[in-house]
N, C-alpha and C. Protein backbone atom coordinates (compact mmCIF):
# COMPACT_ATOMS: atom_id res chain seq x y z
N UNK A 1 125.21 77.62 114.32
CA UNK A 1 125.14 78.99 114.80
C UNK A 1 125.32 79.94 113.63
N UNK A 2 124.78 81.13 113.78
CA UNK A 2 124.89 82.13 112.71
C UNK A 2 125.12 83.51 113.32
N UNK A 3 125.45 84.45 112.44
CA UNK A 3 125.69 85.83 112.82
C UNK A 3 124.49 86.68 112.42
N UNK A 4 124.20 87.71 113.19
CA UNK A 4 123.11 88.62 112.89
C UNK A 4 123.63 90.04 113.00
N UNK A 5 123.57 90.76 111.91
CA UNK A 5 123.95 92.16 111.86
C UNK A 5 122.67 92.98 111.89
N UNK A 6 122.57 93.94 112.79
CA UNK A 6 121.37 94.76 112.90
C UNK A 6 121.68 96.21 112.58
N UNK A 7 120.82 96.79 111.76
CA UNK A 7 120.97 98.19 111.34
C UNK A 7 119.60 98.84 111.37
N UNK A 8 119.58 100.15 111.26
CA UNK A 8 118.30 100.82 111.13
C UNK A 8 118.42 102.08 110.29
N UNK A 9 117.30 102.47 109.75
CA UNK A 9 117.18 103.66 108.91
C UNK A 9 115.86 104.31 109.30
N UNK A 10 115.68 105.58 108.96
CA UNK A 10 114.42 106.24 109.25
C UNK A 10 114.10 107.26 108.16
N UNK A 11 112.83 107.58 108.09
CA UNK A 11 112.37 108.61 107.17
C UNK A 11 111.05 109.17 107.70
N UNK A 12 110.71 110.35 107.25
CA UNK A 12 109.46 111.00 107.65
C UNK A 12 108.51 110.98 106.47
N UNK A 13 107.29 110.53 106.69
CA UNK A 13 106.29 110.57 105.64
C UNK A 13 104.90 110.52 106.27
N UNK A 14 103.90 110.73 105.42
CA UNK A 14 102.53 110.73 105.90
C UNK A 14 101.73 109.65 105.19
N UNK A 15 100.61 109.32 105.78
CA UNK A 15 99.67 108.36 105.18
C UNK A 15 98.35 108.46 105.92
N UNK A 16 97.38 107.71 105.49
CA UNK A 16 96.12 107.57 106.21
C UNK A 16 95.56 106.19 105.87
N UNK A 17 94.71 105.70 106.74
CA UNK A 17 94.11 104.38 106.53
C UNK A 17 92.63 104.56 106.22
N UNK A 18 92.34 104.59 104.93
CA UNK A 18 90.96 104.75 104.45
C UNK A 18 90.08 103.66 105.05
N UNK A 19 88.95 104.09 105.59
CA UNK A 19 87.98 103.14 106.13
C UNK A 19 88.26 102.69 107.55
N UNK A 20 89.37 103.12 108.13
CA UNK A 20 89.70 102.74 109.51
C UNK A 20 88.77 103.47 110.48
N UNK A 21 88.37 102.80 111.54
CA UNK A 21 87.45 103.41 112.49
C UNK A 21 88.15 104.32 113.50
N UNK A 22 89.45 104.16 113.66
CA UNK A 22 90.20 104.96 114.61
C UNK A 22 90.74 106.24 114.00
N UNK A 23 91.57 106.93 114.78
CA UNK A 23 92.08 108.23 114.35
C UNK A 23 93.05 108.14 113.17
N UNK A 24 93.56 106.95 112.87
CA UNK A 24 94.49 106.79 111.75
C UNK A 24 93.80 106.90 110.39
N UNK A 25 92.48 107.06 110.38
CA UNK A 25 91.79 107.31 109.12
C UNK A 25 92.12 108.72 108.60
N UNK A 26 92.59 109.59 109.52
CA UNK A 26 92.98 110.95 109.15
C UNK A 26 94.41 110.98 108.64
N UNK A 27 94.67 111.90 107.74
CA UNK A 27 96.03 112.11 107.25
C UNK A 27 96.92 112.47 108.44
N UNK A 28 98.03 111.75 108.57
CA UNK A 28 98.97 112.00 109.67
C UNK A 28 100.36 111.57 109.25
N UNK A 29 101.34 112.02 109.99
CA UNK A 29 102.72 111.71 109.65
C UNK A 29 103.39 110.85 110.71
N UNK A 30 104.48 110.24 110.29
CA UNK A 30 105.29 109.41 111.19
C UNK A 30 106.76 109.68 110.92
N UNK A 31 107.56 109.46 111.94
CA UNK A 31 108.99 109.23 111.76
C UNK A 31 109.08 107.71 111.73
N UNK A 32 109.06 107.15 110.51
CA UNK A 32 109.12 105.70 110.34
C UNK A 32 110.56 105.26 110.64
N UNK A 33 110.71 104.34 111.56
CA UNK A 33 112.03 103.79 111.89
C UNK A 33 112.03 102.34 111.42
N UNK A 34 112.99 102.01 110.58
CA UNK A 34 113.07 100.67 110.00
C UNK A 34 114.32 99.99 110.56
N UNK A 35 114.10 98.95 111.33
CA UNK A 35 115.21 98.17 111.88
C UNK A 35 115.24 96.85 111.11
N UNK A 36 116.42 96.44 110.69
CA UNK A 36 116.51 95.20 109.92
C UNK A 36 117.73 94.40 110.36
N UNK A 37 117.60 93.09 110.20
CA UNK A 37 118.67 92.18 110.57
C UNK A 37 119.13 91.39 109.36
N UNK A 38 120.42 91.29 109.21
CA UNK A 38 121.02 90.49 108.14
C UNK A 38 121.68 89.28 108.79
N UNK A 39 121.38 88.11 108.27
CA UNK A 39 121.85 86.86 108.88
C UNK A 39 122.83 86.16 107.94
N UNK A 40 123.94 85.69 108.52
CA UNK A 40 124.94 84.97 107.74
C UNK A 40 125.48 83.81 108.57
N UNK A 41 125.82 82.73 107.89
CA UNK A 41 126.43 81.59 108.56
C UNK A 41 127.94 81.72 108.65
N UNK A 42 128.51 82.48 107.72
CA UNK A 42 129.96 82.66 107.66
C UNK A 42 130.28 84.14 107.49
N UNK A 43 131.45 84.52 107.95
CA UNK A 43 131.94 85.88 107.77
C UNK A 43 132.84 85.94 106.53
N UNK A 44 133.04 87.13 106.02
CA UNK A 44 133.95 87.33 104.90
C UNK A 44 135.35 86.92 105.36
N UNK A 45 136.05 86.15 104.55
CA UNK A 45 137.31 85.54 104.96
C UNK A 45 138.57 86.30 104.55
N UNK A 46 138.44 87.31 103.68
CA UNK A 46 139.64 88.02 103.24
C UNK A 46 139.27 89.43 102.79
N UNK A 47 140.29 90.21 102.56
CA UNK A 47 140.09 91.58 102.07
C UNK A 47 139.80 92.55 103.20
N UNK A 48 139.44 93.76 102.84
CA UNK A 48 139.24 94.81 103.85
C UNK A 48 138.03 94.54 104.74
N UNK A 49 137.11 93.69 104.30
CA UNK A 49 135.92 93.37 105.11
C UNK A 49 136.05 92.03 105.82
N UNK A 50 137.26 91.52 105.92
CA UNK A 50 137.48 90.25 106.61
C UNK A 50 136.91 90.32 108.03
N UNK A 51 136.21 89.26 108.43
CA UNK A 51 135.62 89.19 109.76
C UNK A 51 134.29 89.89 109.89
N UNK A 52 133.70 90.29 108.75
CA UNK A 52 132.41 90.99 108.76
C UNK A 52 131.39 90.21 107.93
N UNK A 53 130.12 90.50 108.18
CA UNK A 53 129.06 90.05 107.26
C UNK A 53 129.11 90.97 106.04
N UNK A 54 129.13 92.26 106.31
CA UNK A 54 129.29 93.32 105.30
C UNK A 54 129.72 94.56 106.07
N UNK A 55 130.45 95.42 105.44
CA UNK A 55 130.87 96.66 106.09
C UNK A 55 129.63 97.50 106.38
N UNK A 56 129.52 98.00 107.61
CA UNK A 56 128.35 98.80 107.99
C UNK A 56 128.13 99.97 107.04
N UNK A 57 129.21 100.65 106.66
CA UNK A 57 129.04 101.82 105.78
C UNK A 57 128.51 101.42 104.41
N UNK A 58 128.87 100.24 103.92
CA UNK A 58 128.37 99.78 102.62
C UNK A 58 126.87 99.50 102.68
N UNK A 59 126.44 98.79 103.72
CA UNK A 59 125.02 98.46 103.81
C UNK A 59 124.19 99.71 104.09
N UNK A 60 124.70 100.59 104.95
CA UNK A 60 123.96 101.81 105.28
C UNK A 60 123.76 102.69 104.05
N UNK A 61 124.77 102.82 103.20
CA UNK A 61 124.62 103.68 102.02
C UNK A 61 123.62 103.08 101.03
N UNK A 62 123.63 101.77 100.86
CA UNK A 62 122.66 101.13 99.96
C UNK A 62 121.23 101.30 100.47
N UNK A 63 121.03 101.08 101.74
CA UNK A 63 119.69 101.13 102.31
C UNK A 63 119.19 102.57 102.40
N UNK A 64 120.06 103.49 102.78
CA UNK A 64 119.69 104.91 102.84
C UNK A 64 119.22 105.38 101.46
N UNK A 65 119.92 104.99 100.42
CA UNK A 65 119.54 105.36 99.05
C UNK A 65 118.15 104.81 98.71
N UNK A 66 117.88 103.57 99.09
CA UNK A 66 116.58 102.97 98.81
C UNK A 66 115.44 103.76 99.48
N UNK A 67 115.61 104.13 100.75
CA UNK A 67 114.53 104.77 101.50
C UNK A 67 114.34 106.26 101.17
N UNK A 68 115.25 106.86 100.41
CA UNK A 68 115.13 108.28 100.08
C UNK A 68 113.79 108.62 99.42
N UNK A 69 113.28 107.74 98.62
CA UNK A 69 112.02 108.01 97.90
C UNK A 69 110.84 108.19 98.87
N UNK A 70 110.91 107.59 100.05
CA UNK A 70 109.82 107.66 101.02
C UNK A 70 109.89 108.89 101.91
N UNK A 71 111.07 109.53 101.98
CA UNK A 71 111.25 110.64 102.89
C UNK A 71 110.45 111.86 102.43
N UNK A 72 109.68 112.41 103.35
CA UNK A 72 108.83 113.58 103.11
C UNK A 72 107.88 113.35 101.92
N UNK A 73 107.28 112.18 101.92
CA UNK A 73 106.33 111.81 100.87
C UNK A 73 104.99 111.44 101.52
N UNK A 74 103.98 111.40 100.69
CA UNK A 74 102.67 110.88 101.07
C UNK A 74 102.61 109.45 100.55
N UNK A 75 102.47 108.49 101.46
CA UNK A 75 102.36 107.09 101.06
C UNK A 75 100.87 106.81 100.85
N UNK A 76 100.55 106.46 99.62
CA UNK A 76 99.15 106.26 99.24
C UNK A 76 98.91 104.84 98.77
N UNK A 77 97.87 104.25 99.29
CA UNK A 77 97.43 102.96 98.79
C UNK A 77 96.83 103.17 97.41
N UNK A 78 97.14 102.30 96.48
CA UNK A 78 96.55 102.37 95.15
C UNK A 78 95.13 101.81 95.20
N UNK A 79 94.20 102.64 95.70
CA UNK A 79 92.82 102.23 95.75
C UNK A 79 92.25 102.19 94.34
N UNK A 80 91.31 101.32 94.14
CA UNK A 80 90.62 101.29 92.85
C UNK A 80 89.85 102.59 92.70
N UNK A 81 89.93 103.16 91.52
CA UNK A 81 89.28 104.44 91.22
C UNK A 81 87.83 104.48 91.68
N UNK A 82 87.12 103.38 91.48
CA UNK A 82 85.69 103.36 91.80
C UNK A 82 85.41 103.35 93.31
N UNK A 83 86.42 103.08 94.14
CA UNK A 83 86.20 103.09 95.59
C UNK A 83 86.47 104.44 96.22
N UNK A 84 87.03 105.38 95.45
CA UNK A 84 87.34 106.70 95.98
C UNK A 84 86.14 107.63 95.88
N UNK A 85 85.96 108.42 96.93
CA UNK A 85 84.91 109.44 96.89
C UNK A 85 85.39 110.60 96.03
N UNK A 86 84.48 111.47 95.67
CA UNK A 86 84.83 112.65 94.89
C UNK A 86 85.86 113.49 95.66
N UNK A 87 85.67 113.64 96.97
CA UNK A 87 86.59 114.42 97.81
C UNK A 87 87.99 113.79 97.83
N UNK A 88 88.04 112.46 97.92
CA UNK A 88 89.34 111.78 97.91
C UNK A 88 90.05 111.95 96.57
N UNK A 89 89.30 111.84 95.50
CA UNK A 89 89.89 112.06 94.17
C UNK A 89 90.42 113.49 94.06
N UNK A 90 89.65 114.45 94.55
CA UNK A 90 90.08 115.85 94.50
C UNK A 90 91.33 116.08 95.34
N UNK A 91 91.38 115.45 96.50
CA UNK A 91 92.54 115.58 97.38
C UNK A 91 93.80 115.04 96.69
N UNK A 92 93.70 113.86 96.13
CA UNK A 92 94.84 113.25 95.44
C UNK A 92 95.26 114.11 94.25
N UNK A 93 94.28 114.59 93.50
CA UNK A 93 94.58 115.46 92.36
C UNK A 93 95.27 116.75 92.82
N UNK A 94 94.80 117.33 93.92
CA UNK A 94 95.42 118.56 94.44
C UNK A 94 96.87 118.30 94.86
N UNK A 95 97.12 117.16 95.50
CA UNK A 95 98.50 116.81 95.88
C UNK A 95 99.38 116.67 94.65
N UNK A 96 98.85 116.02 93.62
CA UNK A 96 99.60 115.87 92.37
C UNK A 96 99.83 117.22 91.70
N UNK A 97 98.81 118.08 91.69
CA UNK A 97 98.94 119.40 91.08
C UNK A 97 100.00 120.25 91.79
N UNK A 98 100.10 120.09 93.10
CA UNK A 98 101.08 120.85 93.88
C UNK A 98 102.46 120.19 93.86
N UNK A 99 102.59 119.12 93.07
CA UNK A 99 103.86 118.41 92.91
C UNK A 99 104.36 117.81 94.22
N UNK A 100 103.43 117.40 95.09
CA UNK A 100 103.81 116.69 96.30
C UNK A 100 104.37 115.33 95.90
N UNK A 101 105.35 114.88 96.64
CA UNK A 101 105.88 113.55 96.37
C UNK A 101 104.88 112.53 96.89
N UNK A 102 104.41 111.67 96.02
CA UNK A 102 103.47 110.62 96.38
C UNK A 102 104.09 109.27 96.02
N UNK A 103 104.09 108.38 96.98
CA UNK A 103 104.57 107.02 96.75
C UNK A 103 103.37 106.10 96.85
N UNK A 104 103.08 105.40 95.77
CA UNK A 104 101.95 104.47 95.75
C UNK A 104 102.43 103.08 96.15
N UNK A 105 101.69 102.47 97.05
CA UNK A 105 101.98 101.10 97.45
C UNK A 105 100.74 100.25 97.17
N UNK A 106 100.93 98.98 96.80
CA UNK A 106 99.79 98.14 96.41
C UNK A 106 99.10 97.44 97.59
N UNK A 107 99.12 98.07 98.75
CA UNK A 107 98.52 97.49 99.95
C UNK A 107 98.18 98.63 100.90
N UNK A 108 97.39 98.33 101.91
CA UNK A 108 97.07 99.31 102.95
C UNK A 108 98.32 99.54 103.78
N UNK A 109 98.68 100.79 104.00
CA UNK A 109 99.98 101.12 104.58
C UNK A 109 100.03 100.99 106.11
N UNK A 110 99.69 99.81 106.59
CA UNK A 110 99.84 99.50 108.02
C UNK A 110 101.29 99.14 108.30
N UNK A 111 101.69 99.21 109.54
CA UNK A 111 103.06 98.82 109.91
C UNK A 111 103.32 97.36 109.55
N UNK A 112 102.31 96.51 109.72
CA UNK A 112 102.46 95.09 109.41
C UNK A 112 102.75 94.90 107.92
N UNK A 113 101.94 95.54 107.08
CA UNK A 113 102.15 95.41 105.63
C UNK A 113 103.46 96.06 105.20
N UNK A 114 103.81 97.18 105.81
CA UNK A 114 105.06 97.86 105.46
C UNK A 114 106.26 96.98 105.82
N UNK A 115 106.19 96.27 106.94
CA UNK A 115 107.33 95.43 107.34
C UNK A 115 107.54 94.29 106.34
N UNK A 116 106.47 93.67 105.87
CA UNK A 116 106.61 92.61 104.88
C UNK A 116 107.11 93.17 103.55
N UNK A 117 106.55 94.30 103.13
CA UNK A 117 106.97 94.94 101.89
C UNK A 117 108.45 95.30 101.93
N UNK A 118 108.90 95.95 103.00
CA UNK A 118 110.31 96.34 103.10
C UNK A 118 111.23 95.12 103.22
N UNK A 119 110.77 94.06 103.87
CA UNK A 119 111.55 92.82 103.91
C UNK A 119 111.83 92.34 102.49
N UNK A 120 110.78 92.21 101.69
CA UNK A 120 110.93 91.74 100.31
C UNK A 120 111.74 92.71 99.46
N UNK A 121 111.52 93.99 99.65
CA UNK A 121 112.26 95.00 98.89
C UNK A 121 113.74 95.00 99.24
N UNK A 122 114.07 94.91 100.52
CA UNK A 122 115.48 94.89 100.91
C UNK A 122 116.17 93.64 100.37
N UNK A 123 115.50 92.52 100.43
CA UNK A 123 116.06 91.29 99.87
C UNK A 123 116.32 91.45 98.37
N UNK A 124 115.37 92.05 97.65
CA UNK A 124 115.51 92.28 96.21
C UNK A 124 116.67 93.25 95.92
N UNK A 125 116.67 94.38 96.60
CA UNK A 125 117.70 95.41 96.36
C UNK A 125 119.09 94.86 96.66
N UNK A 126 119.24 94.18 97.78
CA UNK A 126 120.55 93.66 98.16
C UNK A 126 121.01 92.56 97.20
N UNK A 127 120.09 91.75 96.72
CA UNK A 127 120.46 90.71 95.74
C UNK A 127 120.91 91.33 94.42
N UNK A 128 120.28 92.44 94.03
CA UNK A 128 120.68 93.13 92.80
C UNK A 128 122.02 93.84 92.96
N UNK A 129 122.22 94.50 94.10
CA UNK A 129 123.43 95.31 94.31
C UNK A 129 124.63 94.50 94.75
N UNK A 130 124.38 93.37 95.42
CA UNK A 130 125.47 92.52 95.92
C UNK A 130 125.15 91.08 95.51
N UNK A 131 125.33 90.74 94.23
CA UNK A 131 124.92 89.41 93.76
C UNK A 131 125.61 88.25 94.48
N UNK A 132 126.81 88.46 94.97
CA UNK A 132 127.53 87.38 95.65
C UNK A 132 127.44 87.50 97.17
N UNK A 133 126.37 88.11 97.66
CA UNK A 133 126.26 88.33 99.10
C UNK A 133 126.23 87.01 99.86
N UNK A 134 126.79 87.05 101.06
CA UNK A 134 126.88 85.86 101.91
C UNK A 134 125.84 85.90 103.04
N UNK A 135 124.79 86.71 102.88
CA UNK A 135 123.80 86.90 103.94
C UNK A 135 122.41 87.05 103.32
N UNK A 136 121.40 86.97 104.19
CA UNK A 136 120.02 87.21 103.79
C UNK A 136 119.38 88.16 104.78
N UNK A 137 118.32 88.80 104.35
CA UNK A 137 117.54 89.62 105.28
C UNK A 137 116.83 88.64 106.20
N UNK A 138 117.00 88.82 107.49
CA UNK A 138 116.41 87.92 108.48
C UNK A 138 115.06 88.44 108.98
N UNK A 139 114.99 89.76 109.20
CA UNK A 139 113.75 90.37 109.65
C UNK A 139 113.77 91.85 109.32
N UNK A 140 112.58 92.44 109.29
CA UNK A 140 112.42 93.89 109.20
C UNK A 140 111.36 94.28 110.21
N UNK A 141 111.70 95.27 111.04
CA UNK A 141 110.75 95.83 111.99
C UNK A 141 110.47 97.26 111.60
N UNK A 142 109.20 97.60 111.52
CA UNK A 142 108.78 98.96 111.17
C UNK A 142 108.14 99.60 112.39
N UNK A 143 108.76 100.67 112.87
CA UNK A 143 108.22 101.45 113.98
C UNK A 143 107.44 102.62 113.41
N UNK A 144 106.15 102.70 113.73
CA UNK A 144 105.35 103.87 113.36
C UNK A 144 105.55 104.97 114.40
N UNK A 145 105.74 104.57 115.63
CA UNK A 145 106.03 105.49 116.73
C UNK A 145 107.16 104.85 117.53
N UNK A 146 107.75 105.58 118.47
CA UNK A 146 108.82 104.97 119.27
C UNK A 146 108.38 103.72 120.04
N UNK A 147 107.08 103.59 120.30
CA UNK A 147 106.58 102.48 121.13
C UNK A 147 105.76 101.44 120.39
N UNK A 148 105.53 101.63 119.08
CA UNK A 148 104.66 100.72 118.32
C UNK A 148 105.34 100.26 117.05
N UNK A 149 105.47 98.94 116.92
CA UNK A 149 106.20 98.38 115.77
C UNK A 149 105.58 97.07 115.34
N UNK A 150 105.89 96.70 114.09
CA UNK A 150 105.49 95.41 113.54
C UNK A 150 106.71 94.79 112.88
N UNK A 151 106.87 93.48 113.01
CA UNK A 151 108.03 92.77 112.48
C UNK A 151 107.58 91.68 111.52
N UNK A 152 108.33 91.55 110.42
CA UNK A 152 108.12 90.46 109.47
C UNK A 152 109.45 89.76 109.27
N UNK A 153 109.41 88.45 109.26
CA UNK A 153 110.62 87.67 109.01
C UNK A 153 110.93 86.76 110.18
N UNK A 154 112.21 86.41 110.28
CA UNK A 154 112.66 85.48 111.32
C UNK A 154 112.51 86.06 112.70
N UNK A 155 111.42 85.74 113.35
CA UNK A 155 111.14 86.25 114.67
C UNK A 155 111.54 85.18 115.68
N UNK A 156 112.41 85.55 116.59
CA UNK A 156 112.88 84.58 117.61
C UNK A 156 112.17 84.81 118.90
């Protein structure tokens, strides 16, 4: 048997899905809600965090700091220059000229891809910040809307 700690974070940002046939091809925004589970076989045995996987306030502050870069940003796929139209290049250049926050991701920014990316990123960040951690990231669920989500990881 194991323990599962569940937390969530959220941020607001925009994106679009180039080449998509539906309405998501247009620039639009989301309140992205990220729910994640941390799994441990044992609890901390001593100190102020005895009986916990990790103190909620500790994990929340680490994760909140990580997601700050995405808040009120334009999430852009790093398309190859030659695949962009003149209008798309102009749009990106205009956003850069206006000093809009742009976050480039190396994949199409679907909820499915975002859930896998955030799973790997959270695992990396937590391993760097808490080298002796007694838990692993079990899953990450990315909600694009209150009713639509994608999950990557240990799905039960």
